Amino acid sequence: MSAQVFADKVQFGLTMSIGMAAATVSMSCIDALMGAADHALYQAKAEGRNRFIAWAPPPPVSKAAE
C-alpha cells in the first residue's frame, strides 16, 4: 500500500506494511495473538515491504498411516 501525501506544501511518498492475525482457541493469551501479528508484520517487511500478510496457524500434523 502506498500513497503520495502533501503536508505543508511538501509532497512525499508513504508506504505501509501490515501484519494481521486472528485469535484461535489454542492461543493462551493476548501475547500469543500479538506475537502472531508481529510475525506476520516482519514477514511482510522481509518479502519486500509495502505488503499485507495475514498470519495463519500451521496445519495440523498429519499422522502416519496406521
PDB file of N, CA and C in Angstrom:
ATOM      1  N   MET A   1       0.839  -1.155   0.000  1.00  0.00           N
ATOM      2  CA  MET A   1       0.000   0.000   0.000  1.00  0.00           C
ATOM      3  C   MET A   1       0.892   1.227   0.000  1.00  0.00           C
ATOM      4  N   SER A   2       0.572   2.136  -0.842  1.00  0.00           N
ATOM      5  CA  SER A   2       1.380   3.350  -0.898  1.00  0.00           C
ATOM      6  C   SER A   2       0.489   4.524  -1.264  1.00  0.00           C
ATOM      7  N   ALA A   3       0.976   5.715  -0.947  1.00  0.00           N
ATOM      8  CA  ALA A   3       0.222   6.934  -1.246  1.00  0.00           C
ATOM      9  C   ALA A   3       1.187   8.100  -1.324  1.00  0.00           C
ATOM     10  N   GLN A   4       0.789   9.105  -2.086  1.00  0.00           N
ATOM     11  CA  GLN A   4       1.516  10.367  -2.102  1.00  0.00           C
ATOM     12  C   GLN A   4       0.811  11.300  -1.127  1.00  0.00           C
ATOM     13  N   VAL A   5       1.564  11.891  -0.221  1.00  0.00           N
ATOM     14  CA  VAL A   5       0.994  12.723   0.835  1.00  0.00           C
ATOM     15  C   VAL A   5       1.528  14.139   0.701  1.00  0.00           C
ATOM     16  N   PHE A   6       0.659  15.112   0.895  1.00  0.00           N
ATOM     17  CA  PHE A   6       1.064  16.519   0.916  1.00  0.00           C
ATOM     18  C   PHE A   6       0.926  17.026   2.349  1.00  0.00           C
ATOM     19  N   ALA A   7       1.987  17.622   2.856  1.00  0.00           N
ATOM     20  CA  ALA A   7       1.959  18.210   4.195  1.00  0.00           C
ATOM     21  C   ALA A   7       2.743  19.517   4.153  1.00  0.00           C
ATOM     22  N   ASP A   8       2.074  20.581   4.440  1.00  0.00           N
ATOM     23  CA  ASP A   8       2.729  21.894   4.454  1.00  0.00           C
ATOM     24  C   ASP A   8       3.406  22.186   3.115  1.00  0.00           C
ATOM     25  N   LYS A   9       2.701  21.886   2.006  1.00  0.00           N
ATOM     26  CA  LYS A   9       3.163  22.117   0.639  1.00  0.00           C
ATOM     27  C   LYS A   9       4.362  21.259   0.243  1.00  0.00           C
ATOM     28  N   VAL A  10       4.617  20.204   1.001  1.00  0.00           N
ATOM     29  CA  VAL A  10       5.697  19.275   0.683  1.00  0.00           C
ATOM     30  C   VAL A  10       5.063  17.927   0.352  1.00  0.00           C
ATOM     31  N   GLN A  11       5.479  17.358  -0.778  1.00  0.00           N
ATOM     32  CA  GLN A  11       4.949  16.062  -1.184  1.00  0.00           C
ATOM     33  C   GLN A  11       5.960  14.979  -0.843  1.00  0.00           C
ATOM     34  N   PHE A  12       5.472  13.867  -0.302  1.00  0.00           N
ATOM     35  CA  PHE A  12       6.355  12.741  -0.046  1.00  0.00           C
ATOM     36  C   PHE A  12       5.558  11.451  -0.176  1.00  0.00           C
ATOM     37  N   GLY A  13       6.276  10.359  -0.395  1.00  0.00           N
ATOM     38  CA  GLY A  13       5.649   9.049  -0.539  1.00  0.00           C
ATOM     39  C   GLY A  13       5.537   8.361   0.809  1.00  0.00           C
ATOM     40  N   LEU A  14       4.491   7.593   0.955  1.00  0.00           N
ATOM     41  CA  LEU A  14       4.244   6.871   2.194  1.00  0.00           C
ATOM     42  C   LEU A  14       3.915   5.430   1.828  1.00  0.00           C
ATOM     43  N   THR A  15       4.586   4.472   2.438  1.00  0.00           N
ATOM     44  CA  THR A  15       4.278   3.068   2.226  1.00  0.00           C
ATOM     45  C   THR A  15       3.972   2.427   3.571  1.00  0.00           C
ATOM     46  N   MET A  16       3.325   1.266   3.511  1.00  0.00           N
ATOM     47  CA  MET A  16       2.894   0.638   4.752  1.00  0.00           C
ATOM     48  C   MET A  16       2.973  -0.876   4.627  1.00  0.00           C
ATOM     49  N   SER A  17       3.464  -1.515   5.675  1.00  0.00           N
ATOM     50  CA  SER A  17       3.423  -2.966   5.788  1.00  0.00           C
ATOM     51  C   SER A  17       2.510  -3.291   6.953  1.00  0.00           C
ATOM     52  N   ILE A  18       1.637  -4.295   6.768  1.00  0.00           N
ATOM     53  CA  ILE A  18       0.672  -4.649   7.799  1.00  0.00           C
ATOM     54  C   ILE A  18       0.741  -6.140   8.068  1.00  0.00           C
ATOM     55  N   GLY A  19       0.741  -6.505   9.337  1.00  0.00           N
ATOM     56  CA  GLY A  19       0.648  -7.901   9.744  1.00  0.00           C
ATOM     57  C   GLY A  19      -0.631  -8.086  10.543  1.00  0.00           C
ATOM     58  N   MET A  20      -1.384  -9.126  10.226  1.00  0.00           N
ATOM     59  CA  MET A  20      -2.662  -9.363  10.887  1.00  0.00           C
ATOM     60  C   MET A  20      -2.717 -10.811  11.363  1.00  0.00           C
ATOM     61  N   ALA A  21      -3.390 -11.033  12.478  1.00  0.00           N
ATOM     62  CA  ALA A  21      -3.596 -12.389  12.978  1.00  0.00           C
ATOM     63  C   ALA A  21      -4.978 -12.482  13.605  1.00  0.00           C
ATOM     64  N   ALA A  22      -5.613 -13.609  13.419  1.00  0.00           N
ATOM     65  CA  ALA A  22      -6.907 -13.876  14.054  1.00  0.00           C
ATOM     66  C   ALA A  22      -6.667 -14.761  15.272  1.00  0.00           C
ATOM     67  N   ALA A  23      -7.392 -14.495  16.331  1.00  0.00           N
ATOM     68  CA  ALA A  23      -7.244 -15.289  17.550  1.00  0.00           C
ATOM     69  C   ALA A  23      -7.771 -16.706  17.316  1.00  0.00           C
ATOM     70  N   THR A  24      -7.087 -17.670  17.875  1.00  0.00           N
ATOM     71  CA  THR A  24      -7.533 -19.060  17.825  1.00  0.00           C
ATOM     72  C   THR A  24      -7.708 -19.566  19.247  1.00  0.00           C
ATOM     73  N   VAL A  25      -8.456 -20.623  19.419  1.00  0.00           N
ATOM     74  CA  VAL A  25      -8.696 -21.159  20.759  1.00  0.00           C
ATOM     75  C   VAL A  25      -7.429 -21.726  21.378  1.00  0.00           C
ATOM     76  N   SER A  26      -6.453 -22.068  20.544  1.00  0.00           N
ATOM     77  CA  SER A  26      -5.209 -22.631  21.081  1.00  0.00           C
ATOM     78  C   SER A  26      -4.261 -21.561  21.637  1.00  0.00           C
ATOM     79  N   MET A  27      -4.560 -20.283  21.388  1.00  0.00           N
ATOM     80  CA  MET A  27      -3.703 -19.210  21.920  1.00  0.00           C
ATOM     81  C   MET A  27      -4.001 -19.024  23.397  1.00  0.00           C
ATOM     82  N   SER A  28      -2.942 -19.016  24.180  1.00  0.00           N
ATOM     83  CA  SER A  28      -3.105 -18.971  25.630  1.00  0.00           C
ATOM     84  C   SER A  28      -3.407 -17.580  26.178  1.00  0.00           C
ATOM     85  N   CYS A  29      -2.987 -16.539  25.458  1.00  0.00           N
ATOM     86  CA  CYS A  29      -3.184 -15.186  25.981  1.00  0.00           C
ATOM     87  C   CYS A  29      -3.033 -14.165  24.849  1.00  0.00           C
ATOM     88  N   ILE A  30      -3.234 -12.912  25.189  1.00  0.00           N
ATOM     89  CA  ILE A  30      -3.116 -11.837  24.206  1.00  0.00           C
ATOM     90  C   ILE A  30      -1.693 -11.756  23.659  1.00  0.00           C
ATOM     91  N   ASP A  31      -0.712 -12.128  24.460  1.00  0.00           N
ATOM     92  CA  ASP A  31       0.676 -12.087  23.995  1.00  0.00           C
ATOM     93  C   ASP A  31       0.890 -13.030  22.816  1.00  0.00           C
ATOM     94  N   ALA A  32       0.207 -14.176  22.813  1.00  0.00           N
ATOM     95  CA  ALA A  32       0.328 -15.109  21.694  1.00  0.00           C
ATOM     96  C   ALA A  32      -0.267 -14.502  20.427  1.00  0.00           C
ATOM     97  N   LEU A  33      -1.396 -13.821  20.563  1.00  0.00           N
ATOM     98  CA  LEU A  33      -2.022 -13.162  19.413  1.00  0.00           C
ATOM     99  C   LEU A  33      -1.137 -12.046  18.883  1.00  0.00           C
ATOM    100  N   MET A  34      -0.601 -11.233  19.775  1.00  0.00           N
ATOM    101  CA  MET A  34       0.274 -10.135  19.355  1.00  0.00           C
ATOM    102  C   MET A  34       1.555 -10.673  18.719  1.00  0.00           C
ATOM    103  N   GLY A  35       2.055 -11.778  19.234  1.00  0.00           N
ATOM    104  CA  GLY A  35       3.245 -12.401  18.654  1.00  0.00           C
ATOM    105  C   GLY A  35       2.997 -12.886  17.236  1.00  0.00           C
ATOM    106  N   ALA A  36       1.806 -13.457  17.006  1.00  0.00           N
ATOM    107  CA  ALA A  36       1.461 -13.929  15.665  1.00  0.00           C
ATOM    108  C   ALA A  36       1.351 -12.749  14.696  1.00  0.00           C
ATOM    109  N   ALA A  37       0.722 -11.664  15.123  1.00  0.00           N
ATOM    110  CA  ALA A  37       0.603 -10.472  14.275  1.00  0.00           C
ATOM    111  C   ALA A  37       1.977  -9.869  14.005  1.00  0.00           C
ATOM    112  N   ASP A  38       2.832  -9.862  15.016  1.00  0.00           N
ATOM    113  CA  ASP A  38       4.188  -9.340  14.861  1.00  0.00           C
ATOM    114  C   ASP A  38       4.964 -10.185  13.850  1.00  0.00           C
ATOM    115  N   HIS A  39       4.803 -11.501  13.940  1.00  0.00           N
ATOM    116  CA  HIS A  39       5.457 -12.410  12.997  1.00  0.00           C
ATOM    117  C   HIS A  39       5.007 -12.094  11.567  1.00  0.00           C
ATOM    118  N   ALA A  40       3.713 -11.871  11.385  1.00  0.00           N
ATOM    119  CA  ALA A  40       3.185 -11.541  10.057  1.00  0.00           C
ATOM    120  C   ALA A  40       3.748 -10.209   9.553  1.00  0.00           C
ATOM    121  N   LEU A  41       3.874  -9.238  10.438  1.00  0.00           N
ATOM    122  CA  LEU A  41       4.426  -7.942  10.043  1.00  0.00           C
ATOM    123  C   LEU A  41       5.869  -8.082   9.570  1.00  0.00           C
ATOM    124  N   TYR A  42       6.698  -8.803  10.321  1.00  0.00           N
ATOM    125  CA  TYR A  42       8.091  -8.966   9.919  1.00  0.00           C
ATOM    126  C   TYR A  42       8.219  -9.794   8.646  1.00  0.00           C
ATOM    127  N   GLN A  43       7.288 -10.725   8.424  1.00  0.00           N
ATOM    128  CA  GLN A  43       7.281 -11.471   7.176  1.00  0.00           C
ATOM    129  C   GLN A  43       6.969 -10.532   6.007  1.00  0.00           C
ATOM    130  N   ALA A  44       6.020  -9.624   6.204  1.00  0.00           N
ATOM    131  CA  ALA A  44       5.688  -8.650   5.156  1.00  0.00           C
ATOM    132  C   ALA A  44       6.894  -7.777   4.829  1.00  0.00           C
ATOM    133  N   LYS A  45       7.599  -7.330   5.833  1.00  0.00           N
ATOM    134  CA  LYS A  45       8.783  -6.498   5.596  1.00  0.00           C
ATOM    135  C   LYS A  45       9.886  -7.288   4.903  1.00  0.00           C
ATOM    136  N   ALA A  46      10.061  -8.558   5.281  1.00  0.00           N
ATOM    137  CA  ALA A  46      11.107  -9.390   4.686  1.00  0.00           C
ATOM    138  C   ALA A  46      10.820  -9.697   3.221  1.00  0.00           C
ATOM    139  N   GLU A  47       9.548  -9.723   2.847  1.00  0.00           N
ATOM    140  CA  GLU A  47       9.181 -10.028   1.469  1.00  0.00           C
ATOM    141  C   GLU A  47       9.176  -8.792   0.568  1.00  0.00           C
ATOM    142  N   GLY A  48       9.695  -7.689   1.054  1.00  0.00           N
ATOM    143  CA  GLY A  48       9.848  -6.516   0.207  1.00  0.00           C
ATOM    144  C   GLY A  48       9.082  -5.303   0.683  1.00  0.00           C
ATOM    145  N   ARG A  49       8.545  -5.364   1.854  1.00  0.00           N
ATOM    146  CA  ARG A  49       7.794  -4.249   2.438  1.00  0.00           C
ATOM    147  C   ARG A  49       6.592  -3.879   1.585  1.00  0.00           C
ATOM    148  N   ASN A  50       5.851  -2.873   2.040  1.00  0.00           N
ATOM    149  CA  ASN A  50       4.690  -2.385   1.305  1.00  0.00           C
ATOM    150  C   ASN A  50       3.709  -3.519   0.999  1.00  0.00           C
ATOM    151  N   ARG A  51       3.458  -4.381   2.011  1.00  0.00           N
ATOM    152  CA  ARG A  51       2.612  -5.556   1.832  1.00  0.00           C
ATOM    153  C   ARG A  51       1.680  -5.750   3.012  1.00  0.00           C
ATOM    154  N   PHE A  52       0.703  -6.633   2.806  1.00  0.00           N
ATOM    155  CA  PHE A  52      -0.225  -7.056   3.845  1.00  0.00           C
ATOM    156  C   PHE A  52      -0.109  -8.568   3.969  1.00  0.00           C
ATOM    157  N   ILE A  53       0.186  -9.066   5.163  1.00  0.00           N
ATOM    158  CA  ILE A  53       0.296 -10.503   5.403  1.00  0.00           C
ATOM    159  C   ILE A  53      -0.645 -10.875   6.541  1.00  0.00           C
ATOM    160  N   ALA A  54      -1.430 -11.919   6.321  1.00  0.00           N
ATOM    161  CA  ALA A  54      -2.314 -12.445   7.358  1.00  0.00           C
ATOM    162  C   ALA A  54      -1.699 -13.735   7.887  1.00  0.00           C
ATOM    163  N   TRP A  55      -1.512 -13.807   9.200  1.00  0.00           N
ATOM    164  CA  TRP A  55      -0.951 -14.994   9.832  1.00  0.00           C
ATOM    165  C   TRP A  55      -2.007 -16.081   9.883  1.00  0.00           C
ATOM    166  N   ALA A  56      -1.587 -17.300   9.645  1.00  0.00           N
ATOM    167  CA  ALA A  56      -2.478 -18.450   9.777  1.00  0.00           C
ATOM    168  C   ALA A  56      -1.756 -19.499  10.610  1.00  0.00           C
ATOM    169  N   PRO A  57      -2.483 -20.194  11.466  1.00  0.00           N
ATOM    170  CA  PRO A  57      -1.829 -21.229  12.260  1.00  0.00           C
ATOM    171  C   PRO A  57      -1.312 -22.337  11.353  1.00  0.00           C
ATOM    172  N   PRO A  58      -0.258 -23.013  11.775  1.00  0.00           N
ATOM    173  CA  PRO A  58       0.263 -24.102  10.951  1.00  0.00           C
ATOM    174  C   PRO A  58      -0.776 -25.216  10.827  1.00  0.00           C
ATOM    175  N   PRO A  59      -0.789 -25.909   9.711  1.00  0.00           N
ATOM    176  CA  PRO A  59      -1.761 -27.003   9.547  1.00  0.00           C
ATOM    177  C   PRO A  59      -1.458 -28.125  10.530  1.00  0.00           C
ATOM    178  N   PRO A  60      -2.482 -28.879  10.898  1.00  0.00           N
ATOM    179  CA  PRO A  60      -2.239 -29.982  11.827  1.00  0.00           C
ATOM    180  C   PRO A  60      -1.276 -30.996  11.223  1.00  0.00           C
ATOM    181  N   VAL A  61      -0.486 -31.596  12.071  1.00  0.00           N
ATOM    182  CA  VAL A  61       0.472 -32.595  11.615  1.00  0.00           C
ATOM    183  C   VAL A  61      -0.303 -33.835  11.200  1.00  0.00           C
ATOM    184  N   SER A  62      -0.013 -34.302   9.991  1.00  0.00           N
ATOM    185  CA  SER A  62      -0.716 -35.498   9.534  1.00  0.00           C
ATOM    186  C   SER A  62      -0.096 -36.723  10.197  1.00  0.00           C
ATOM    187  N   LYS A  63      -0.922 -37.653  10.527  1.00  0.00           N
ATOM    188  CA  LYS A  63      -0.465 -38.878  11.180  1.00  0.00           C
ATOM    189  C   LYS A  63       0.012 -39.861  10.121  1.00  0.00           C
ATOM    190  N   ALA A  64       1.011 -40.626  10.478  1.00  0.00           N
ATOM    191  CA  ALA A  64       1.497 -41.655   9.565  1.00  0.00           C
ATOM    192  C   ALA A  64       0.397 -42.701   9.384  1.00  0.00           C
ATOM    193  N   ALA A  65       0.456 -43.401   8.272  1.00  0.00           N
ATOM    194  CA  ALA A  65      -0.552 -44.432   8.011  1.00  0.00           C
ATOM    195  C   ALA A  65      -0.585 -45.412   9.177  1.00  0.00           C
ATOM    196  N   GLU A  66      -1.781 -45.684   9.600  1.00  0.00           N
ATOM    197  CA  GLU A  66      -1.925 -46.570  10.771  1.00  0.00           C
ATOM    198  C   GLU A  66      -2.261 -47.963  10.347  1.00  0.00           C
TER     199      GLU A  66
END
